[in-house]
Amino acid sequence: MGNGLAALSLFFFLISAPLAIVFSKSTGALVGLAAGIGLLFVIWKKTRWWTTLLFILGLSSILGLSSLSSIKQELLFQDRSGQIRRAIWSETFQLLRDHPLRGAGLASYQERVRPYHATLESEGIEIFHHPHNIFLTMYVNLGLLGLIGFLGIIVWFYKTGLSTKAQTPPSVSLFPYFLISSLTVIVVHGLVDSPYIKNDLAILFWFLIAFMLLSNQSYNTQLYANRT
């Protein structure tokens, strides 16, 4: 009964989660999801070259076909949303240039960035509560040391997950690869947004870190058992 309920919940999640992203009309989330799934196919040797070829064809079509010009403009930040994001990033960089070590401080971004706030095509835009980039968000809130720590966690995560690729015993789960895929979605989406600053999203991020720690511990235990 318990396994059946879990399977049913998983089934509905696999259907509802992509639909939620589609109906939210978040291009960043869609690109992040595509990147996460694509990475799984790249890791799997049987689909690696087909995935690479599909990526090249898709990118060439977006850049070359006039019928896809709206998608091209959105991906290259040439549409209205992209222009606003570029303006936000520009004023954030100006803030960080003057405060390179400590950033703005926790929950102080809106106040600290106000002197650097500019108009977009002579039109005033609101001051957002974060700079719509997960790395800039970490920098302005936690300073340079906090950004370095955040980057260190991400590097460790990918290094730990991918290190099982060459030496994974047959009995060890491929779970680390799915964790890598999940974090890839967050990182890619985070290039145009901050999918961390909400409480539930932050918990999800640290769940992935915790699962990778447990997976690495299980991998080392299994590897040691196989050697003995």
Protein backbone atom coordinates (compact mmCIF):
# COMPACT_ATOMS: atom_id res chain seq x y z
CA MET A 1 0.00 0.00 0.00
CA GLY A 2 2.77 2.40 0.95
CA ASN A 3 4.77 1.68 -2.22
CA GLY A 4 1.68 2.12 -4.36
CA LEU A 5 0.88 5.49 -2.79
CA ALA A 6 4.47 6.62 -3.27
CA ALA A 7 4.41 5.54 -6.92
CA LEU A 8 1.10 7.34 -7.48
CA SER A 9 2.44 10.51 -5.87
CA LEU A 10 5.55 10.33 -8.02
CA PHE A 11 3.43 9.84 -11.15
CA PHE A 12 1.33 12.92 -10.47
CA PHE A 13 4.44 14.93 -9.60
CA LEU A 14 6.14 14.03 -12.89
CA ILE A 15 3.07 15.30 -14.73
CA SER A 16 2.22 18.35 -12.65
CA ALA A 17 5.75 19.73 -12.15
CA PRO A 18 6.54 20.32 -15.86
CA LEU A 19 3.02 21.69 -16.41
CA ALA A 20 3.52 24.14 -13.53
CA ILE A 21 6.70 25.41 -15.17
CA VAL A 22 5.00 25.74 -18.56
CA PHE A 23 1.98 27.62 -17.21
CA SER A 24 4.21 29.90 -15.12
CA LYS A 25 5.67 31.09 -18.45
CA SER A 26 9.13 31.23 -16.92
CA THR A 27 11.64 30.94 -19.74
CA GLY A 28 14.50 30.70 -17.26
CA ALA A 29 12.90 27.72 -15.54
CA LEU A 30 12.21 26.03 -18.89
CA VAL A 31 15.80 26.51 -20.05
CA GLY A 32 17.03 25.26 -16.68
CA LEU A 33 14.84 22.17 -16.93
CA ALA A 34 16.10 21.50 -20.46
CA ALA A 35 19.69 21.91 -19.27
CA GLY A 36 19.17 19.52 -16.36
CA ILE A 37 17.56 16.84 -18.52
CA GLY A 38 20.10 17.40 -21.29
CA LEU A 39 22.97 16.87 -18.85
CA LEU A 40 21.57 13.47 -17.92
CA PHE A 41 21.56 12.43 -21.58
CA VAL A 42 25.11 13.75 -21.98
CA ILE A 43 26.32 11.72 -19.01
CA TRP A 44 24.72 8.58 -20.46
CA LYS A 45 27.13 7.40 -23.17
CA LYS A 46 24.43 5.92 -25.43
CA THR A 47 22.73 9.29 -25.91
CA ARG A 48 25.68 11.64 -25.51
CA TRP A 49 26.35 12.35 -29.19
CA TRP A 50 22.68 12.47 -30.14
CA THR A 51 22.06 15.00 -27.39
CA THR A 52 25.03 17.12 -28.50
CA LEU A 53 23.82 17.02 -32.11
CA LEU A 54 20.28 17.96 -31.08
CA PHE A 55 21.62 20.87 -29.02
CA ILE A 56 23.67 22.19 -31.95
CA LEU A 57 20.72 21.88 -34.35
CA GLY A 58 18.36 23.56 -31.88
CA LEU A 59 20.75 26.42 -31.16
CA SER A 60 21.43 26.92 -34.88
CA SER A 61 17.70 27.01 -35.59
CA ILE A 62 17.04 29.59 -32.88
CA LEU A 63 19.88 31.83 -34.06
CA GLY A 64 19.24 31.38 -37.79
CA LEU A 65 15.48 31.08 -38.39
CA SER A 66 13.52 34.30 -38.55
CA SER A 67 10.39 32.49 -37.36
CA LEU A 68 12.12 31.93 -34.03
CA SER A 69 13.32 35.52 -33.66
CA SER A 70 11.18 36.11 -30.57
CA ILE A 71 12.86 33.18 -28.80
CA LYS A 72 16.26 34.46 -29.92
CA GLN A 73 15.53 37.93 -28.54
CA GLU A 74 14.43 36.46 -25.23
CA LEU A 75 17.47 34.22 -24.88
CA LEU A 76 19.84 37.07 -25.81
CA PHE A 77 18.13 39.49 -23.38
CA GLN A 78 16.95 41.74 -26.21
CA ASP A 79 13.28 41.80 -25.23
CA ARG A 80 11.75 44.01 -22.55
CA SER A 81 12.36 41.51 -19.73
CA GLY A 82 15.95 41.04 -20.81
CA GLN A 83 16.58 44.77 -20.96
CA ILE A 84 15.24 45.19 -17.43
CA ARG A 85 17.50 42.41 -16.18
CA ARG A 86 20.54 43.96 -17.84
CA ALA A 87 19.71 47.27 -16.17
CA ILE A 88 19.40 45.52 -12.79
CA TRP A 89 22.71 43.75 -13.23
CA SER A 90 24.43 46.97 -14.33
CA GLU A 91 23.37 48.89 -11.22
CA THR A 92 24.23 45.89 -9.04
CA PHE A 93 27.75 45.78 -10.49
CA GLN A 94 28.10 49.48 -9.74
CA LEU A 95 27.08 48.83 -6.13
CA LEU A 96 29.54 45.94 -5.83
CA ARG A 97 32.31 48.01 -7.39
CA ASP A 98 32.01 50.44 -4.49
CA HIS A 99 31.52 47.68 -1.88
CA PRO A 100 33.49 44.71 -3.25
CA LEU A 101 34.07 42.94 0.06
CA ARG A 102 30.91 43.25 2.11
CA GLY A 103 28.33 43.77 -0.63
CA ALA A 104 25.06 45.31 0.51
CA GLY A 105 24.44 43.18 3.58
CA LEU A 106 21.55 40.90 4.41
CA ALA A 107 18.15 42.18 3.23
CA SER A 108 19.67 45.59 2.41
CA TYR A 109 19.87 45.40 -1.37
CA GLN A 110 16.89 47.64 -2.18
CA GLU A 111 18.14 50.39 0.10
CA ARG A 112 21.81 50.18 -0.90
CA VAL A 113 21.21 50.03 -4.66
CA ARG A 114 18.90 53.05 -4.70
CA PRO A 115 21.71 55.62 -5.34
CA TYR A 116 22.77 53.57 -8.38
CA HIS A 117 19.27 53.06 -9.74
CA ALA A 118 18.80 54.28 -13.31
CA THR A 119 16.01 54.53 -15.84
CA LEU A 120 15.46 52.26 -18.83
CA GLU A 121 14.88 54.25 -22.03
CA SER A 122 13.89 57.27 -19.90
CA GLU A 123 11.31 55.13 -18.11
CA GLY A 124 11.61 54.50 -14.41
CA ILE A 125 11.53 50.86 -13.30
CA GLU A 126 10.95 49.58 -9.83
CA ILE A 127 13.76 48.62 -7.50
CA PHE A 128 13.52 44.87 -7.04
CA HIS A 129 14.40 43.17 -3.77
CA HIS A 130 17.08 41.02 -5.40
CA PRO A 131 19.24 41.38 -8.55
CA HIS A 132 17.67 38.45 -10.42
CA ASN A 133 20.84 36.40 -10.50
CA ILE A 134 21.59 33.80 -7.85
CA PHE A 135 25.32 34.58 -7.77
CA LEU A 136 24.81 38.33 -7.56
CA THR A 137 22.19 37.72 -4.87
CA MET A 138 24.72 35.78 -2.81
CA TYR A 139 27.35 38.45 -3.38
CA VAL A 140 25.22 41.44 -2.35
CA ASN A 141 23.80 39.64 0.70
CA LEU A 142 26.84 37.74 1.99
CA GLY A 143 29.76 39.66 0.51
CA LEU A 144 32.73 38.28 -1.38
CA LEU A 145 33.48 35.59 1.21
CA GLY A 146 29.89 34.36 1.07
CA LEU A 147 30.00 34.19 -2.73
CA ILE A 148 33.25 32.21 -2.63
CA GLY A 149 31.72 29.81 -0.12
CA PHE A 150 28.61 29.36 -2.28
CA LEU A 151 30.71 28.70 -5.38
CA GLY A 152 32.83 26.25 -3.38
CA ILE A 153 29.73 24.28 -2.40
CA ILE A 154 28.60 24.06 -6.02
CA VAL A 155 32.05 22.99 -7.25
CA TRP A 156 32.24 20.34 -4.51
CA PHE A 157 28.74 19.12 -5.42
CA TYR A 158 29.55 18.56 -9.11
CA LYS A 159 33.00 17.16 -8.40
CA THR A 160 31.60 14.69 -5.88
CA GLY A 161 28.74 13.60 -8.11
CA LEU A 162 30.82 13.19 -11.26
CA SER A 163 33.70 11.44 -9.47
CA THR A 164 31.57 8.29 -9.28
CA LYS A 165 31.32 8.18 -13.07
CA ALA A 166 34.60 6.37 -13.76
CA GLN A 167 34.60 4.07 -10.74
CA THR A 168 30.96 3.40 -9.90
CA PRO A 169 30.42 -0.23 -8.87
CA PRO A 170 27.39 -1.84 -10.57
CA SER A 171 25.51 -1.99 -7.28
CA VAL A 172 25.81 1.77 -6.62
CA SER A 173 22.79 3.86 -7.57
CA LEU A 174 22.84 6.51 -10.29
CA PHE A 175 21.16 8.82 -7.81
CA PRO A 176 24.10 11.33 -7.79
CA TYR A 177 23.51 12.00 -11.47
CA PHE A 178 19.90 12.96 -10.82
CA LEU A 179 21.07 15.22 -8.01
CA ILE A 180 23.49 16.90 -10.42
CA SER A 181 20.66 17.34 -12.91
CA SER A 182 18.47 18.94 -10.23
CA LEU A 183 21.15 21.40 -9.17
CA THR A 184 21.82 22.22 -12.82
CA VAL A 185 18.20 23.33 -13.15
CA ILE A 186 18.66 25.67 -10.18
CA VAL A 187 22.01 27.05 -11.38
CA VAL A 188 20.87 27.68 -14.97
CA HIS A 189 17.59 29.20 -13.83
CA GLY A 190 19.62 31.20 -11.33
CA LEU A 191 21.43 33.01 -14.13
CA VAL A 192 18.28 35.09 -14.70
CA ASP A 193 16.56 34.80 -11.32
CA SER A 194 17.27 33.88 -7.70
CA PRO A 195 15.71 30.44 -7.08
CA TYR A 196 17.07 30.32 -3.54
CA ILE A 197 15.86 33.33 -1.56
CA LYS A 198 12.42 31.90 -0.77
CA ASN A 199 12.37 29.62 2.29
CA ASP A 200 11.07 26.54 0.45
CA LEU A 201 13.58 26.97 -2.39
CA ALA A 202 16.47 27.37 0.05
CA ILE A 203 15.39 24.17 1.83
CA LEU A 204 15.27 22.37 -1.53
CA PHE A 205 18.82 23.51 -2.30
CA TRP A 206 20.18 22.22 1.01
CA PHE A 207 18.25 18.97 0.59
CA LEU A 208 20.23 18.38 -2.59
CA ILE A 209 23.48 19.05 -0.73
CA ALA A 210 22.45 16.68 2.08
CA PHE A 211 21.46 13.95 -0.39
CA MET A 212 24.82 14.27 -2.13
CA LEU A 213 26.61 13.91 1.21
CA LEU A 214 24.61 10.76 1.99
CA SER A 215 25.11 9.41 -1.52
CA ASN A 216 28.87 9.97 -1.32
CA GLN A 217 29.00 8.23 2.05
CA SER A 218 27.07 5.28 0.62
CA TYR A 219 29.37 5.18 -2.41
CA ASN A 220 32.52 5.12 -0.25
CA THR A 221 31.03 2.40 1.96
CA GLN A 222 30.10 0.25 -1.05
CA LEU A 223 33.48 0.82 -2.67
CA TYR A 224 35.27 -0.24 0.50
CA ALA A 225 33.07 -3.35 0.78
CA ASN A 226 33.83 -4.35 -2.81
CA ARG A 227 37.58 -4.02 -2.22
CA THR A 228 37.48 -6.21 0.87
